[in-house]
Protein backbone atom coordinates (compact mmCIF):
# COMPACT_ATOMS: atom_id res chain seq x y z
CA UNK A 1 8.53 -26.75 5.99
CA UNK A 2 5.45 -25.63 4.05
CA UNK A 3 4.86 -22.74 6.50
CA UNK A 4 8.32 -21.35 5.63
CA UNK A 5 7.25 -20.52 2.09
CA UNK A 6 6.95 -16.86 1.21
CA UNK A 7 7.58 -15.55 4.72
CA UNK A 8 9.23 -12.19 5.44
CA UNK A 9 10.36 -10.86 8.81
CA UNK A 10 11.71 -7.33 9.15
CA UNK A 11 12.62 -4.92 11.91
CA UNK A 12 12.78 -1.30 10.90
CA UNK A 13 11.50 2.22 11.31
CA UNK A 14 8.28 3.54 9.82
CA UNK A 15 9.19 6.03 7.10
CA UNK A 16 5.92 7.97 6.89
CA UNK A 17 2.71 8.33 8.85
CA UNK A 18 0.60 5.29 7.91
CA UNK A 19 -2.23 5.96 5.47
CA UNK A 20 -5.55 4.49 6.59
CA UNK A 21 -8.45 3.77 4.24
CA UNK A 22 -11.91 2.71 5.38
CA UNK A 23 -14.16 0.90 2.91
CA UNK A 24 -17.96 0.89 2.84
CA UNK A 25 -17.88 -2.81 3.69
CA UNK A 26 -16.27 -1.91 7.04
CA UNK A 27 -12.83 -3.20 6.06
CA UNK A 28 -9.80 -1.12 6.89
CA UNK A 29 -6.35 -1.06 5.24
CA UNK A 30 -3.14 0.63 6.32
CA UNK A 31 -0.14 1.33 4.08
CA UNK A 32 3.28 2.69 5.03
CA UNK A 33 6.95 2.45 4.16
CA UNK A 34 9.47 0.69 6.37
CA UNK A 35 13.20 1.46 6.42
CA UNK A 36 15.65 -1.29 7.33
CA UNK A 37 19.31 -0.47 7.92
CA UNK A 38 22.42 -2.57 7.48
CA UNK A 39 25.92 -1.52 8.43
CA UNK A 40 29.26 -2.59 7.02
CA UNK A 41 32.84 -1.37 7.00
CA UNK A 42 34.56 -0.22 3.82
CA UNK A 43 38.13 1.03 3.95
CA UNK A 44 37.84 1.59 7.71
CA UNK A 45 34.66 3.63 7.44
CA UNK A 46 31.28 2.50 8.80
CA UNK A 47 28.70 2.59 6.00
CA UNK A 48 24.93 2.51 6.49
CA UNK A 49 22.75 1.04 3.76
CA UNK A 50 19.01 1.72 3.99
CA UNK A 51 16.41 -0.33 2.11
CA UNK A 52 12.78 0.77 1.81
CA UNK A 53 9.83 -1.64 1.86
CA UNK A 54 6.14 -1.05 1.06
CA UNK A 55 3.93 -2.50 3.80
CA UNK A 56 0.18 -3.25 3.70
CA UNK A 57 -1.98 -4.36 6.64
CA UNK A 58 -5.69 -5.22 6.71
CA UNK A 59 -8.31 -5.64 9.46
CA UNK A 60 -7.11 -5.93 13.05
CA UNK A 61 -3.50 -5.22 12.10
CA UNK A 62 -4.58 -2.00 10.31
CA UNK A 63 -6.55 -0.92 13.39
CA UNK A 64 -3.52 -1.45 15.64
CA UNK A 65 -1.30 0.48 13.25
CA UNK A 66 -3.81 3.33 13.14
CA UNK A 67 -3.79 3.56 16.97
CA UNK A 68 -0.12 3.00 17.79
CA UNK A 69 2.16 3.62 14.81
CA UNK A 70 3.56 6.90 13.56
CA UNK A 71 6.55 8.02 11.53
CA UNK A 72 9.84 6.91 13.07
CA UNK A 73 8.34 4.13 15.25
CA UNK A 74 10.43 0.96 15.33
CA UNK A 75 8.36 -2.13 14.51
CA UNK A 76 8.89 -5.79 13.72
CA UNK A 77 6.63 -7.26 11.07
CA UNK A 78 6.02 -10.74 9.75
CA UNK A 79 4.14 -11.34 6.55
CA UNK A 80 4.46 -12.40 2.94
CA UNK A 81 5.62 -10.80 -0.29
CA UNK A 82 2.99 -9.88 -2.84
CA UNK A 83 3.39 -8.31 -6.27
CA UNK A 84 0.91 -6.40 -8.36
CA UNK A 85 0.85 -4.09 -11.34
CA UNK A 86 -1.24 -1.09 -12.26
CA UNK A 87 -1.50 1.46 -15.02
CA UNK A 88 -0.90 5.17 -14.44
CA UNK A 89 -3.15 7.90 -15.84
CA UNK A 90 -0.67 8.30 -18.71
CA UNK A 91 -0.92 4.59 -19.58
CA UNK A 92 2.44 3.59 -18.10
CA UNK A 93 2.48 0.15 -16.48
CA UNK A 94 4.01 0.06 -12.98
CA UNK A 95 4.95 -2.90 -10.81
CA UNK A 96 4.90 -2.94 -7.01
CA UNK A 97 6.18 -5.46 -4.50
CA UNK A 98 4.64 -5.17 -1.02
CA UNK A 99 4.74 -6.97 2.28
CA UNK A 100 1.31 -8.11 3.46
CA UNK A 101 1.40 -8.05 7.28
CA UNK A 102 0.29 -11.08 9.30
CA UNK A 103 1.77 -9.93 12.62
CA UNK A 104 3.22 -6.70 13.97
CA UNK A 105 5.22 -6.08 17.12
CA UNK A 106 5.74 -2.56 18.43
CA UNK A 107 9.29 -2.23 19.73
CA UNK A 108 10.72 0.05 22.37
CA UNK A 109 7.76 -0.13 24.74
CA UNK A 110 6.61 -3.51 26.06
CA UNK A 111 3.14 -2.20 26.92
CA UNK A 112 2.40 -1.53 23.24
CA UNK A 113 3.26 -4.95 21.79
CA UNK A 114 0.42 -6.68 19.93
CA UNK A 115 -0.04 -9.56 17.49
C-alpha cells in the first residue's frame, strides 16, 4: 500500500502549448495546464464541469512532451501532488499546487504512446 501514497492519475486535454526550459546543467523541464472534464445532469440538462491542473515534467518526460504534445492533445498522466509558495514582485505570497509527472501516455494515436 505504500506505493499508493500521493499518487494522481488524470486524463485530460492540454490547455496551452507546453513551456520548455533548458538549464545550463542540461536538465529540461516542461510545464503546462491540463483540463479535465466531468459531466452531470441537473434539472434534465447535461452540465460540463472543467477543472484545471498545473503539470510539471522533468528529464525524459519533458523531452517527450516537447516532441509530441501541443495544445488540445489528450494525454493521461500519472504523478504526485506537490505544493510550493513564492513571492511576487510586489511582495504578495502565492501558493501553487502542481502535479509532478512520473509517466505520460499520449492518447488518440497508439504509435505515440510512451512511458
